[in-house]
Amino acid sequence: SEAVEADRKGKWAMLDHDTIDTLQRIEGEPFVKMFLDEVK
């Protein structure tokens, strides 16, 4: 249901391979900040 609500608001991550790779490589606070900005 939350995914439906995110769709209604137009909130899609649409991550490219480079962004996924960066998120997989970084750790700690930089990861949390980027995850919150790009994915959450």
All heavy atoms as atom14 arrays in JSON, in Angstrom:
{
  "sequence": "SEAVEADRKGKWAMLDHDTIDTLQRIEGEPFVKMFLDEVK",
  "atom14_mask": [
    [1, 1, 1, 1, 1, 1, 0, 0, 0, 0, 0, 0, 0, 0],
    [1, 1, 1, 1, 1, 1, 1, 1, 1, 0, 0, 0, 0, 0],
    [1, 1, 1, 1, 1, 0, 0, 0, 0, 0, 0, 0, 0, 0],
    [1, 1, 1, 1, 1, 1, 1, 0, 0, 0, 0, 0, 0, 0],
    [1, 1, 1, 1, 1, 1, 1, 1, 1, 0, 0, 0, 0, 0],
    [1, 1, 1, 1, 1, 0, 0, 0, 0, 0, 0, 0, 0, 0],
    [1, 1, 1, 1, 1, 1, 1, 1, 0, 0, 0, 0, 0, 0],
    [1, 1, 1, 1, 1, 1, 1, 1, 1, 1, 1, 0, 0, 0],
    [1, 1, 1, 1, 1, 1, 1, 1, 1, 0, 0, 0, 0, 0],
    [1, 1, 1, 1, 0, 0, 0, 0, 0, 0, 0, 0, 0, 0],
    [1, 1, 1, 1, 1, 1, 1, 1, 1, 0, 0, 0, 0, 0],
    [1, 1, 1, 1, 1, 1, 1, 1, 1, 1, 1, 1, 1, 1],
    [1, 1, 1, 1, 1, 0, 0, 0, 0, 0, 0, 0, 0, 0],
    [1, 1, 1, 1, 1, 1, 1, 1, 0, 0, 0, 0, 0, 0],
    [1, 1, 1, 1, 1, 1, 1, 1, 0, 0, 0, 0, 0, 0],
    [1, 1, 1, 1, 1, 1, 1, 1, 0, 0, 0, 0, 0, 0],
    [1, 1, 1, 1, 1, 1, 1, 1, 1, 1, 0, 0, 0, 0],
    [1, 1, 1, 1, 1, 1, 1, 1, 0, 0, 0, 0, 0, 0],
    [1, 1, 1, 1, 1, 1, 1, 0, 0, 0, 0, 0, 0, 0],
    [1, 1, 1, 1, 1, 1, 1, 1, 0, 0, 0, 0, 0, 0],
    [1, 1, 1, 1, 1, 1, 1, 1, 0, 0, 0, 0, 0, 0],
    [1, 1, 1, 1, 1, 1, 1, 0, 0, 0, 0, 0, 0, 0],
    [1, 1, 1, 1, 1, 1, 1, 1, 0, 0, 0, 0, 0, 0],
    [1, 1, 1, 1, 1, 1, 1, 1, 1, 0, 0, 0, 0, 0],
    [1, 1, 1, 1, 1, 1, 1, 1, 1, 1, 1, 0, 0, 0],
    [1, 1, 1, 1, 1, 1, 1, 1, 0, 0, 0, 0, 0, 0],
    [1, 1, 1, 1, 1, 1, 1, 1, 1, 0, 0, 0, 0, 0],
    [1, 1, 1, 1, 0, 0, 0, 0, 0, 0, 0, 0, 0, 0],
    [1, 1, 1, 1, 1, 1, 1, 1, 1, 0, 0, 0, 0, 0],
    [1, 1, 1, 1, 1, 1, 1, 0, 0, 0, 0, 0, 0, 0],
    [1, 1, 1, 1, 1, 1, 1, 1, 1, 1, 1, 0, 0, 0],
    [1, 1, 1, 1, 1, 1, 1, 0, 0, 0, 0, 0, 0, 0],
    [1, 1, 1, 1, 1, 1, 1, 1, 1, 0, 0, 0, 0, 0],
    [1, 1, 1, 1, 1, 1, 1, 1, 0, 0, 0, 0, 0, 0],
    [1, 1, 1, 1, 1, 1, 1, 1, 1, 1, 1, 0, 0, 0],
    [1, 1, 1, 1, 1, 1, 1, 1, 0, 0, 0, 0, 0, 0],
    [1, 1, 1, 1, 1, 1, 1, 1, 0, 0, 0, 0, 0, 0],
    [1, 1, 1, 1, 1, 1, 1, 1, 1, 0, 0, 0, 0, 0],
    [1, 1, 1, 1, 1, 1, 1, 0, 0, 0, 0, 0, 0, 0],
    [1, 1, 1, 1, 1, 1, 1, 1, 1, 0, 0, 0, 0, 0]
  ],
  "atom14_positions": [
    [[0.84, -1.21, 0.0], [0.0, 0.0, 0.0], [0.87, 1.26, 0.0], [0.54, 2.25, -0.66], [-0.91, 0.02, 1.22], [-1.8, -1.07, 1.2], [0.0, 0.0, 0.0], [0.0, 0.0, 0.0], [0.0, 0.0, 0.0], [0.0, 0.0, 0.0], [0.0, 0.0, 0.0], [0.0, 0.0, 0.0], [0.0, 0.0, 0.0], [0.0, 0.0, 0.0]],
    [[1.97, 1.21, 0.72], [2.9, 2.35, 0.73], [3.54, 2.54, -0.64], [3.82, 3.68, -1.06], [3.94, 2.17, 1.82], [3.35, 2.35, 3.22], [4.34, 2.07, 4.34], [5.55, 1.91, 4.06], [3.9, 2.0, 5.5], [0.0, 0.0, 0.0], [0.0, 0.0, 0.0], [0.0, 0.0, 0.0], [0.0, 0.0, 0.0], [0.0, 0.0, 0.0]],
    [[3.78, 1.44, -1.37], [4.3, 1.55, -2.74], [3.29, 2.24, -3.64], [3.65, 3.07, -4.48], [4.66, 0.16, -3.28], [0.0, 0.0, 0.0], [0.0, 0.0, 0.0], [0.0, 0.0, 0.0], [0.0, 0.0, 0.0], [0.0, 0.0, 0.0], [0.0, 0.0, 0.0], [0.0, 0.0, 0.0], [0.0, 0.0, 0.0], [0.0, 0.0, 0.0]],
    [[2.01, 1.9, -3.46], [0.95, 2.55, -4.24], [0.92, 4.04, -3.93], [0.8, 4.88, -4.83], [-0.42, 1.89, -3.95], [-1.56, 2.73, -4.51], [-0.47, 0.48, -4.5], [0.0, 0.0, 0.0], [0.0, 0.0, 0.0], [0.0, 0.0, 0.0], [0.0, 0.0, 0.0], [0.0, 0.0, 0.0], [0.0, 0.0, 0.0], [0.0, 0.0, 0.0]],
    [[1.03, 4.39, -2.66], [1.03, 5.81, -2.27], [2.25, 6.53, -2.84], [2.15, 7.68, -3.3], [1.0, 5.93, -0.74], [0.92, 7.34, -0.21], [-0.34, 8.09, -0.58], [-1.29, 7.5, -1.13], [-0.38, 9.31, -0.34], [0.0, 0.0, 0.0], [0.0, 0.0, 0.0], [0.0, 0.0, 0.0], [0.0, 0.0, 0.0], [0.0, 0.0, 0.0]],
    [[3.42, 5.87, -2.82], [4.63, 6.47, -3.41], [4.43, 6.71, -4.9], [4.81, 7.76, -5.43], [5.84, 5.57, -3.16], [0.0, 0.0, 0.0], [0.0, 0.0, 0.0], [0.0, 0.0, 0.0], [0.0, 0.0, 0.0], [0.0, 0.0, 0.0], [0.0, 0.0, 0.0], [0.0, 0.0, 0.0], [0.0, 0.0, 0.0], [0.0, 0.0, 0.0]],
    [[3.79, 5.76, -5.59], [3.5, 5.92, -7.02], [2.56, 7.1, -7.24], [2.75, 7.9, -8.16], [2.89, 4.62, -7.56], [2.54, 4.72, -9.03], [3.37, 5.2, -9.82], [1.42, 4.31, -9.4], [0.0, 0.0, 0.0], [0.0, 0.0, 0.0], [0.0, 0.0, 0.0], [0.0, 0.0, 0.0], [0.0, 0.0, 0.0], [0.0, 0.0, 0.0]],
    [[1.55, 7.21, -6.4], [0.6, 8.31, -6.52], [1.3, 9.67, -6.41], [0.95, 10.64, -7.07], [-0.48, 8.2, -5.44], [-1.64, 9.17, -5.61], [-2.62, 9.08, -4.45], [-2.07, 9.57, -3.2], [-1.92, 10.86, -2.89], [-2.28, 11.79, -3.73], [-1.43, 11.22, -1.71], [0.0, 0.0, 0.0], [0.0, 0.0, 0.0], [0.0, 0.0, 0.0]],
    [[2.35, 9.71, -5.56], [3.11, 10.95, -5.37], [4.24, 11.11, -6.39], [4.97, 12.09, -6.35], [3.71, 10.97, -3.96], [2.67, 11.07, -2.86], [3.35, 11.01, -1.5], [2.33, 11.15, -0.37], [2.98, 11.01, 0.95], [0.0, 0.0, 0.0], [0.0, 0.0, 0.0], [0.0, 0.0, 0.0], [0.0, 0.0, 0.0], [0.0, 0.0, 0.0]],
    [[4.39, 10.1, -7.27], [5.46, 10.16, -8.27], [6.84, 9.9, -7.71], [7.84, 10.34, -8.28], [0.0, 0.0, 0.0], [0.0, 0.0, 0.0], [0.0, 0.0, 0.0], [0.0, 0.0, 0.0], [0.0, 0.0, 0.0], [0.0, 0.0, 0.0], [0.0, 0.0, 0.0], [0.0, 0.0, 0.0], [0.0, 0.0, 0.0], [0.0, 0.0, 0.0]],
    [[6.91, 9.18, -6.59], [8.2, 8.91, -5.93], [8.77, 7.58, -6.4], [8.48, 6.53, -5.84], [8.03, 8.92, -4.41], [7.73, 10.29, -3.84], [7.72, 10.28, -2.34], [9.13, 10.11, -1.83], [9.24, 10.22, -0.38], [0.0, 0.0, 0.0], [0.0, 0.0, 0.0], [0.0, 0.0, 0.0], [0.0, 0.0, 0.0], [0.0, 0.0, 0.0]],
    [[9.55, 7.63, -7.45], [10.27, 6.48, -7.98], [11.76, 6.77, -7.86], [12.21, 7.88, -8.13], [9.91, 6.25, -9.44], [8.53, 5.73, -9.64], [7.35, 6.43, -9.55], [8.17, 4.39, -9.96], [6.29, 5.62, -9.79], [6.75, 4.35, -10.06], [8.89, 3.22, -10.18], [6.06, 3.18, -10.36], [8.2, 2.06, -10.48], [6.8, 2.04, -10.57]],
    [[12.55, 5.77, -7.49], [14.0, 5.95, -7.38], [14.63, 5.94, -8.77], [15.5, 6.76, -9.08], [14.61, 4.87, -6.51], [0.0, 0.0, 0.0], [0.0, 0.0, 0.0], [0.0, 0.0, 0.0], [0.0, 0.0, 0.0], [0.0, 0.0, 0.0], [0.0, 0.0, 0.0], [0.0, 0.0, 0.0], [0.0, 0.0, 0.0], [0.0, 0.0, 0.0]],
    [[14.25, 5.0, -9.6], [14.8, 4.85, -10.96], [16.32, 4.96, -10.96], [16.9, 5.76, -11.7], [14.17, 5.87, -11.91], [12.7, 5.67, -12.12], [12.12, 6.65, -13.49], [10.59, 7.28, -12.85], [0.0, 0.0, 0.0], [0.0, 0.0, 0.0], [0.0, 0.0, 0.0], [0.0, 0.0, 0.0], [0.0, 0.0, 0.0], [0.0, 0.0, 0.0]],
    [[16.96, 4.16, -10.14], [18.41, 4.2, -10.01], [19.09, 3.59, -11.23], [18.7, 2.53, -11.7], [18.85, 3.44, -8.76], [18.28, 3.9, -7.42], [18.83, 3.03, -6.3], [18.58, 5.37, -7.16], [0.0, 0.0, 0.0], [0.0, 0.0, 0.0], [0.0, 0.0, 0.0], [0.0, 0.0, 0.0], [0.0, 0.0, 0.0], [0.0, 0.0, 0.0]],
    [[20.15, 4.25, -11.7], [20.95, 3.65, -12.77], [22.03, 2.77, -12.13], [22.2, 2.76, -10.9], [21.55, 4.72, -13.69], [22.43, 5.72, -12.94], [23.07, 5.34, -11.94], [22.47, 6.9, -13.35], [0.0, 0.0, 0.0], [0.0, 0.0, 0.0], [0.0, 0.0, 0.0], [0.0, 0.0, 0.0], [0.0, 0.0, 0.0], [0.0, 0.0, 0.0]],
    [[22.74, 2.03, -12.96], [23.73, 1.07, -12.44], [24.84, 1.77, -11.64], [25.32, 1.23, -10.64], [24.33, 0.24, -13.58], [23.33, -0.68, -14.21], [22.77, -1.73, -13.54], [22.78, -0.69, -15.45], [21.92, -2.37, -14.32], [21.9, -1.75, -15.49], [0.0, 0.0, 0.0], [0.0, 0.0, 0.0], [0.0, 0.0, 0.0], [0.0, 0.0, 0.0]],
    [[25.25, 2.96, -12.08], [26.31, 3.69, -11.38], [25.86, 4.1, -9.98], [26.64, 4.01, -9.01], [26.75, 4.93, -12.17], [27.5, 4.56, -13.44], [28.01, 3.42, -13.52], [27.56, 5.41, -14.35], [0.0, 0.0, 0.0], [0.0, 0.0, 0.0], [0.0, 0.0, 0.0], [0.0, 0.0, 0.0], [0.0, 0.0, 0.0], [0.0, 0.0, 0.0]],
    [[24.61, 4.55, -9.85], [24.1, 4.96, -8.54], [23.98, 3.76, -7.62], [24.34, 3.83, -6.43], [22.73, 5.67, -8.68], [22.88, 6.76, -9.6], [22.24, 6.19, -7.35], [0.0, 0.0, 0.0], [0.0, 0.0, 0.0], [0.0, 0.0, 0.0], [0.0, 0.0, 0.0], [0.0, 0.0, 0.0], [0.0, 0.0, 0.0], [0.0, 0.0, 0.0]],
    [[23.48, 2.64, -8.15], [23.41, 1.41, -7.35], [24.79, 0.99, -6.89], [25.01, 0.66, -5.72], [22.72, 0.27, -8.14], [21.22, 0.57, -8.31], [22.91, -1.08, -7.44], [20.5, -0.37, -9.25], [0.0, 0.0, 0.0], [0.0, 0.0, 0.0], [0.0, 0.0, 0.0], [0.0, 0.0, 0.0], [0.0, 0.0, 0.0], [0.0, 0.0, 0.0]],
    [[25.76, 1.04, -7.82], [27.13, 0.66, -7.48], [27.69, 1.56, -6.38], [28.32, 1.08, -5.44], [28.01, 0.74, -8.74], [29.43, 0.31, -8.45], [29.64, -0.85, -8.03], [30.36, 1.14, -8.64], [0.0, 0.0, 0.0], [0.0, 0.0, 0.0], [0.0, 0.0, 0.0], [0.0, 0.0, 0.0], [0.0, 0.0, 0.0], [0.0, 0.0, 0.0]],
    [[27.45, 2.85, -6.48], [27.93, 3.79, -5.45], [27.3, 3.47, -4.1], [27.99, 3.4, -3.08], [27.61, 5.25, -5.85], [28.25, 5.54, -7.08], [28.08, 6.22, -4.77], [0.0, 0.0, 0.0], [0.0, 0.0, 0.0], [0.0, 0.0, 0.0], [0.0, 0.0, 0.0], [0.0, 0.0, 0.0], [0.0, 0.0, 0.0], [0.0, 0.0, 0.0]],
    [[25.98, 3.26, -4.09], [25.29, 2.93, -2.83], [25.79, 1.63, -2.23], [25.86, 1.48, -1.01], [23.78, 2.85, -3.07], [23.05, 4.18, -3.15], [21.71, 4.04, -3.85], [22.87, 4.77, -1.75], [0.0, 0.0, 0.0], [0.0, 0.0, 0.0], [0.0, 0.0, 0.0], [0.0, 0.0, 0.0], [0.0, 0.0, 0.0], [0.0, 0.0, 0.0]],
    [[26.15, 0.68, -3.06], [26.67, -0.6, -2.56], [28.08, -0.45, -1.98], [28.45, -1.17, -1.06], [26.67, -1.65, -3.68], [25.26, -2.1, -4.05], [25.22, -2.95, -5.31], [26.08, -2.86, -6.18], [24.18, -3.78, -5.41], [0.0, 0.0, 0.0], [0.0, 0.0, 0.0], [0.0, 0.0, 0.0], [0.0, 0.0, 0.0], [0.0, 0.0, 0.0]],
    [[28.86, 0.49, -2.52], [30.25, 0.64, -2.09], [30.42, 1.52, -0.86], [31.28, 1.24, -0.03], [31.1, 1.22, -3.23], [31.47, 0.23, -4.29], [32.44, 0.79, -5.32], [31.87, 1.89, -6.11], [32.12, 3.19, -5.89], [32.92, 3.56, -4.94], [31.56, 4.12, -6.64], [0.0, 0.0, 0.0], [0.0, 0.0, 0.0], [0.0, 0.0, 0.0]],
    [[29.64, 2.59, -0.74], [29.87, 3.51, 0.37], [29.25, 2.98, 1.66], [28.36, 2.13, 1.63], [29.35, 4.93, 0.05], [27.84, 4.93, -0.2], [30.1, 5.52, -1.14], [27.25, 6.31, -0.45], [0.0, 0.0, 0.0], [0.0, 0.0, 0.0], [0.0, 0.0, 0.0], [0.0, 0.0, 0.0], [0.0, 0.0, 0.0], [0.0, 0.0, 0.0]],
    [[29.73, 3.47, 2.77], [29.31, 2.99, 4.09], [28.99, 4.17, 5.0], [29.24, 5.32, 4.66], [30.42, 2.14, 4.74], [30.84, 0.91, 3.97], [29.78, -0.17, 3.94], [28.92, -0.2, 4.85], [29.8, -1.0, 3.01], [0.0, 0.0, 0.0], [0.0, 0.0, 0.0], [0.0, 0.0, 0.0], [0.0, 0.0, 0.0], [0.0, 0.0, 0.0]],
    [[28.45, 3.85, 6.16], [28.26, 4.84, 7.22], [27.33, 5.98, 6.85], [26.37, 5.81, 6.1], [0.0, 0.0, 0.0], [0.0, 0.0, 0.0], [0.0, 0.0, 0.0], [0.0, 0.0, 0.0], [0.0, 0.0, 0.0], [0.0, 0.0, 0.0], [0.0, 0.0, 0.0], [0.0, 0.0, 0.0], [0.0, 0.0, 0.0], [0.0, 0.0, 0.0]],
    [[27.64, 7.15, 7.38], [26.79, 8.33, 7.19], [26.61, 8.72, 5.72], [25.5, 9.08, 5.31], [27.34, 9.5, 8.01], [26.36, 10.65, 8.14], [25.02, 10.25, 8.76], [25.01, 9.42, 9.7], [23.98, 10.77, 8.31], [0.0, 0.0, 0.0], [0.0, 0.0, 0.0], [0.0, 0.0, 0.0], [0.0, 0.0, 0.0], [0.0, 0.0, 0.0]],
    [[27.67, 8.64, 4.89], [27.46, 8.97, 3.47], [26.43, 8.05, 2.81], [25.61, 8.5, 2.0], [28.85, 8.79, 2.85], [29.79, 9.01, 3.98], [29.1, 8.45, 5.2], [0.0, 0.0, 0.0], [0.0, 0.0, 0.0], [0.0, 0.0, 0.0], [0.0, 0.0, 0.0], [0.0, 0.0, 0.0], [0.0, 0.0, 0.0], [0.0, 0.0, 0.0]],
    [[26.47, 6.75, 3.17], [25.47, 5.82, 2.62], [24.07, 6.19, 3.09], [23.13, 6.26, 2.29], [25.78, 4.38, 3.01], [24.62, 3.46, 2.76], [24.29, 3.06, 1.48], [23.8, 3.03, 3.81], [23.19, 2.24, 1.24], [22.7, 2.23, 3.58], [22.39, 1.82, 2.29], [0.0, 0.0, 0.0], [0.0, 0.0, 0.0], [0.0, 0.0, 0.0]],
    [[23.92, 6.43, 4.4], [22.6, 6.75, 4.95], [22.04, 7.99, 4.27], [20.87, 8.01, 3.84], [22.66, 6.93, 6.48], [21.34, 7.48, 7.02], [23.0, 5.61, 7.15], [0.0, 0.0, 0.0], [0.0, 0.0, 0.0], [0.0, 0.0, 0.0], [0.0, 0.0, 0.0], [0.0, 0.0, 0.0], [0.0, 0.0, 0.0], [0.0, 0.0, 0.0]],
    [[22.85, 9.04, 4.14], [22.39, 10.28, 3.51], [21.97, 10.04, 2.07], [20.89, 10.49, 1.64], [23.47, 11.35, 3.58], [22.99, 12.67, 2.98], [24.03, 13.76, 3.08], [23.57, 15.08, 2.55], [22.5, 15.11, 1.58], [0.0, 0.0, 0.0], [0.0, 0.0, 0.0], [0.0, 0.0, 0.0], [0.0, 0.0, 0.0], [0.0, 0.0, 0.0]],
    [[22.78, 9.31, 1.32], [22.46, 9.07, -0.09], [21.21, 8.19, -0.21], [20.35, 8.42, -1.07], [23.64, 8.43, -0.81], [23.45, 8.31, -2.3], [24.95, 7.71, -3.11], [24.38, 7.69, -4.81], [0.0, 0.0, 0.0], [0.0, 0.0, 0.0], [0.0, 0.0, 0.0], [0.0, 0.0, 0.0], [0.0, 0.0, 0.0], [0.0, 0.0, 0.0]],
    [[21.09, 7.19, 0.67], [19.91, 6.32, 0.64], [18.65, 7.14, 0.93], [17.63, 6.99, 0.23], [20.05, 5.18, 1.65], [18.92, 4.21, 1.6], [18.96, 3.11, 0.75], [17.79, 4.37, 2.39], [17.9, 2.21, 0.68], [16.73, 3.48, 2.34], [16.79, 2.39, 1.48], [0.0, 0.0, 0.0], [0.0, 0.0, 0.0], [0.0, 0.0, 0.0]],
    [[18.72, 7.98, 1.94], [17.56, 8.82, 2.28], [17.19, 9.76, 1.13], [16.02, 9.99, 0.85], [17.83, 9.63, 3.56], [17.92, 8.81, 4.85], [18.39, 9.69, 6.01], [16.6, 8.15, 5.19], [0.0, 0.0, 0.0], [0.0, 0.0, 0.0], [0.0, 0.0, 0.0], [0.0, 0.0, 0.0], [0.0, 0.0, 0.0], [0.0, 0.0, 0.0]],
    [[18.2, 10.29, 0.45], [17.96, 11.23, -0.65], [17.46, 10.55, -1.91], [16.6, 11.09, -2.61], [19.25, 12.0, -0.99], [19.65, 12.99, 0.1], [18.81, 13.31, 0.97], [20.83, 13.41, 0.09], [0.0, 0.0, 0.0], [0.0, 0.0, 0.0], [0.0, 0.0, 0.0], [0.0, 0.0, 0.0], [0.0, 0.0, 0.0], [0.0, 0.0, 0.0]],
    [[17.99, 9.37, -2.21], [17.75, 8.74, -3.5], [16.69, 7.62, -3.49], [16.08, 7.34, -4.52], [19.06, 8.14, -4.06], [20.19, 9.12, -4.2], [20.1, 9.94, -5.48], [19.4, 9.5, -6.41], [20.73, 11.0, -5.54], [0.0, 0.0, 0.0], [0.0, 0.0, 0.0], [0.0, 0.0, 0.0], [0.0, 0.0, 0.0], [0.0, 0.0, 0.0]],
    [[16.52, 6.95, -2.34], [15.76, 5.69, -2.35], [14.61, 5.66, -1.36], [13.51, 5.17, -1.69], [16.71, 4.48, -2.05], [15.94, 3.17, -2.13], [17.91, 4.47, -2.97], [0.0, 0.0, 0.0], [0.0, 0.0, 0.0], [0.0, 0.0, 0.0], [0.0, 0.0, 0.0], [0.0, 0.0, 0.0], [0.0, 0.0, 0.0], [0.0, 0.0, 0.0]],
    [[14.8, 6.15, -0.16], [13.83, 5.97, 0.93], [12.42, 6.41, 0.53], [12.23, 7.47, -0.06], [14.3, 6.76, 2.15], [13.45, 6.56, 3.39], [13.8, 5.28, 4.11], [13.13, 5.15, 5.45], [11.73, 4.79, 5.4], [0.0, 0.0, 0.0], [0.0, 0.0, 0.0], [0.0, 0.0, 0.0], [0.0, 0.0, 0.0], [0.0, 0.0, 0.0]]
  ]
}
